[in-house]
């Protein structure tokens, strides 16, 4: 009995690679630069070029892309050019439909950290929240400036991910400020005795 082939592994970066190759054959460096130029690095992690190379190697093994040729430029190392295969075109559309329609289970750092706040003292948590608030405020201001800058030149269709990111960041900032107010007022607080009492009460209710 033959083993069933593994389903190609989906990821935001893999989708970005396939989407850019749907336009024309490209080399990895060109893809990375284009993603940055178009502002897609706000939603796609391309800080490390090795990540792109690893993703491309995997897509090549899975048959979703193929080598189109080699680009030779004077004074520069030859660059391998890749192109989209028919299987890659179909996979990118399937991935896109799933990512748009199905809510995925993601495990980012911040919610995990919030679930273990009591490892720190309340005033320590407050200081960290205040640092996050300042950084998030800068992010929101940068997003607002970006949306305003491109509003007149870029069709809204191509800015929807930026709108979504701004909405999510704005909602987090609003929640964070409400939590900070509650820490400052003392509504959110704890000590060792209170934590022991809560732990005993929870054990007794099981």
Protein backbone atom coordinates (compact mmCIF):
# COMPACT_ATOMS: atom_id res chain seq x y z
CA UNK A 1 0.00 0.00 0.00
CA UNK A 2 1.47 3.34 -1.06
CA UNK A 3 1.85 6.12 1.47
CA UNK A 4 -0.40 9.08 0.82
CA UNK A 5 1.70 12.13 -0.16
CA UNK A 6 1.92 14.83 2.48
CA UNK A 7 -0.26 17.87 1.92
CA UNK A 8 1.83 20.99 1.16
CA UNK A 9 2.44 23.01 4.32
CA UNK A 10 0.65 26.32 4.39
CA UNK A 11 2.14 29.49 5.86
CA UNK A 12 1.79 33.25 5.30
CA UNK A 13 5.31 33.41 3.85
CA UNK A 14 4.67 30.46 1.54
CA UNK A 15 1.48 32.15 0.29
CA UNK A 16 3.43 35.37 -0.30
CA UNK A 17 6.05 33.51 -2.35
CA UNK A 18 3.39 31.84 -4.50
CA UNK A 19 1.45 35.08 -4.92
CA UNK A 20 4.52 37.00 -6.12
CA UNK A 21 5.54 34.23 -8.49
CA UNK A 22 2.01 34.35 -9.93
CA UNK A 23 3.01 37.78 -11.31
CA UNK A 24 6.30 36.70 -12.93
CA UNK A 25 9.40 34.58 -12.27
CA UNK A 26 11.56 36.04 -9.49
CA UNK A 27 14.63 35.34 -7.40
CA UNK A 28 14.44 35.26 -3.57
CA UNK A 29 16.10 38.63 -3.01
CA UNK A 30 13.73 40.29 -5.46
CA UNK A 31 10.76 38.76 -3.65
CA UNK A 32 11.98 40.01 -0.28
CA UNK A 33 12.48 43.54 -1.60
CA UNK A 34 9.10 43.62 -3.34
CA UNK A 35 7.33 42.45 -0.18
CA UNK A 36 8.97 45.30 1.73
CA UNK A 37 8.32 47.91 -0.96
CA UNK A 38 4.64 47.03 -0.99
CA UNK A 39 4.38 47.18 2.80
CA UNK A 40 3.53 43.48 3.06
CA UNK A 41 6.27 43.07 5.67
CA UNK A 42 3.69 44.42 8.13
CA UNK A 43 1.90 41.07 7.86
CA UNK A 44 4.59 38.76 6.45
CA UNK A 45 7.83 38.09 8.35
CA UNK A 46 10.67 38.61 5.86
CA UNK A 47 13.27 40.04 8.24
CA UNK A 48 15.50 36.99 7.76
CA UNK A 49 16.21 36.13 4.13
CA UNK A 50 17.03 32.58 5.24
CA UNK A 51 13.32 32.15 5.97
CA UNK A 52 12.51 32.89 2.33
CA UNK A 53 15.19 30.47 1.09
CA UNK A 54 13.92 27.71 3.41
CA UNK A 55 10.34 28.30 2.27
CA UNK A 56 11.38 28.25 -1.38
CA UNK A 57 13.31 24.99 -0.89
CA UNK A 58 10.21 23.42 0.66
CA UNK A 59 7.88 24.69 -2.08
CA UNK A 60 10.34 23.32 -4.65
CA UNK A 61 10.30 19.87 -3.01
CA UNK A 62 6.50 19.95 -2.91
CA UNK A 63 6.31 20.77 -6.61
CA UNK A 64 4.53 24.10 -6.10
CA UNK A 65 7.33 26.06 -7.77
CA UNK A 66 10.12 25.16 -10.18
CA UNK A 67 13.45 26.62 -11.29
CA UNK A 68 12.95 28.83 -14.34
CA UNK A 69 16.60 29.64 -14.97
CA UNK A 70 19.53 31.69 -13.77
CA UNK A 71 19.84 35.47 -13.85
CA UNK A 72 23.35 36.72 -14.51
CA UNK A 73 24.10 40.34 -13.68
CA UNK A 74 27.50 41.91 -14.13
CA UNK A 75 29.48 42.05 -10.90
CA UNK A 76 26.86 40.12 -8.93
CA UNK A 77 26.47 36.43 -8.11
CA UNK A 78 24.10 34.51 -10.37
CA UNK A 79 20.57 34.38 -8.99
CA UNK A 80 18.25 31.40 -9.34
CA UNK A 81 14.90 32.40 -10.82
CA UNK A 82 11.77 30.52 -9.75
CA UNK A 83 8.35 30.24 -11.36
CA UNK A 84 4.93 29.05 -10.23
CA UNK A 85 3.71 25.61 -11.26
CA UNK A 86 0.09 24.70 -11.95
CA UNK A 87 0.00 22.82 -8.64
CA UNK A 88 1.35 25.95 -6.90
CA UNK A 89 -1.34 28.11 -8.47
CA UNK A 90 -4.07 25.76 -7.26
CA UNK A 91 -2.51 25.45 -3.79
CA UNK A 92 -2.26 29.22 -3.36
CA UNK A 93 -5.97 29.63 -4.15
CA UNK A 94 -6.92 26.79 -1.80
CA UNK A 95 -4.79 28.25 1.01
CA UNK A 96 -6.25 31.71 0.46
CA UNK A 97 -9.82 30.43 0.69
CA UNK A 98 -9.03 28.56 3.93
CA UNK A 99 -7.18 31.49 5.50
CA UNK A 100 -10.02 33.88 4.67
CA UNK A 101 -12.90 31.68 5.79
CA UNK A 102 -11.59 29.58 8.68
CA UNK A 103 -10.55 31.04 12.03
CA UNK A 104 -7.19 29.52 12.90
CA UNK A 105 -5.91 28.61 16.35
CA UNK A 106 -2.92 30.86 16.94
CA UNK A 107 -0.82 31.06 20.07
CA UNK A 108 0.90 34.47 20.20
CA UNK A 109 3.10 35.49 23.15
CA UNK A 110 0.97 38.25 24.69
CA UNK A 111 -2.21 36.31 25.56
CA UNK A 112 -0.05 33.50 26.98
CA UNK A 113 1.84 36.02 29.15
CA UNK A 114 -1.42 37.62 30.33
CA UNK A 115 -2.62 34.22 31.53
CA UNK A 116 0.34 34.05 33.98
CA UNK A 117 0.40 37.65 35.25
CA UNK A 118 0.51 36.58 38.90
CA UNK A 119 4.11 35.39 38.53
CA UNK A 120 4.94 39.09 38.81
CA UNK A 121 3.89 41.72 41.32
CA UNK A 122 1.04 44.03 40.24
CA UNK A 123 3.29 47.10 40.04
CA UNK A 124 5.73 45.15 37.84
CA UNK A 125 2.91 44.13 35.49
CA UNK A 126 1.76 47.75 35.36
CA UNK A 127 5.24 48.90 34.28
CA UNK A 128 5.36 46.31 31.50
CA UNK A 129 1.86 47.23 30.34
CA UNK A 130 2.87 50.90 30.23
CA UNK A 131 5.90 50.04 28.08
CA UNK A 132 3.68 48.05 25.74
CA UNK A 133 1.17 50.89 25.60
CA UNK A 134 3.88 53.37 24.51
CA UNK A 135 5.17 51.00 21.81
CA UNK A 136 1.66 50.21 20.61
CA UNK A 137 0.79 53.90 20.43
CA UNK A 138 3.80 54.45 18.16
CA UNK A 139 2.67 51.53 16.00
CA UNK A 140 -0.84 52.92 15.69
CA UNK A 141 0.50 56.36 14.74
CA UNK A 142 2.79 54.81 12.12
CA UNK A 143 -0.12 52.80 10.69
CA UNK A 144 -2.31 55.91 10.55
CA UNK A 145 0.43 57.81 8.71
CA UNK A 146 0.89 54.94 6.26
CA UNK A 147 -2.83 54.68 5.53
CA UNK A 148 -3.06 58.44 5.02
CA UNK A 149 0.02 58.51 2.77
CA UNK A 150 -1.26 55.81 0.42
CA UNK A 151 -4.94 56.73 0.55
CA UNK A 152 -4.84 58.90 -2.57
CA UNK A 153 -2.56 56.68 -4.68
CA UNK A 154 -3.23 53.05 -3.75
CA UNK A 155 -6.67 51.45 -4.27
CA UNK A 156 -8.27 50.42 -0.99
CA UNK A 157 -8.32 46.79 -2.13
CA UNK A 158 -4.54 46.67 -1.67
CA UNK A 159 -4.65 48.35 1.74
CA UNK A 160 -7.21 46.10 3.42
CA UNK A 161 -4.56 44.19 5.41
CA UNK A 162 -3.24 47.54 6.69
CA UNK A 163 -6.78 48.56 7.71
CA UNK A 164 -7.21 45.24 9.52
CA UNK A 165 -3.87 45.60 11.30
CA UNK A 166 -4.81 49.11 12.41
CA UNK A 167 -8.17 47.92 13.72
CA UNK A 168 -6.57 45.08 15.70
CA UNK A 169 -3.82 47.34 17.10
CA UNK A 170 -6.40 49.99 18.02
CA UNK A 171 -8.57 47.45 19.83
CA UNK A 172 -5.57 46.11 21.78
CA UNK A 173 -4.51 49.63 22.72
CA UNK A 174 -8.01 50.41 23.99
CA UNK A 175 -8.08 47.20 26.08
CA UNK A 176 -4.56 47.80 27.38
CA UNK A 177 -5.38 51.34 28.55
CA UNK A 178 -8.49 50.11 30.37
CA UNK A 179 -6.41 47.43 32.14
CA UNK A 180 -3.74 50.01 33.04
CA UNK A 181 -6.42 52.25 34.58
CA UNK A 182 -7.66 49.31 36.66
CA UNK A 183 -4.13 48.53 37.86
CA UNK A 184 -3.57 52.17 38.81
CA UNK A 185 -6.86 52.35 40.71
CA UNK A 186 -6.14 49.09 42.55
CA UNK A 187 -9.13 47.28 41.05
CA UNK A 188 -6.67 44.80 39.54
CA UNK A 189 -4.30 43.62 42.25
CA UNK A 190 -3.15 40.54 44.20
CA UNK A 191 -0.85 39.33 46.92
CA UNK A 192 0.40 35.93 48.11
CA UNK A 193 -2.37 35.46 50.68
CA UNK A 194 -5.10 36.30 48.17
CA UNK A 195 -3.58 33.92 45.59
CA UNK A 196 -3.46 31.09 48.16
CA UNK A 197 -7.10 31.68 49.09
CA UNK A 198 -8.16 31.62 45.45
CA UNK A 199 -6.16 28.44 44.77
CA UNK A 200 -7.73 26.66 47.77
CA UNK A 201 -11.20 27.77 46.78
CA UNK A 202 -10.72 26.53 43.22
CA UNK A 203 -9.40 23.17 44.44
CA UNK A 204 -12.40 22.80 46.72
CA UNK A 205 -14.82 23.43 43.85
CA UNK A 206 -13.39 20.64 41.67
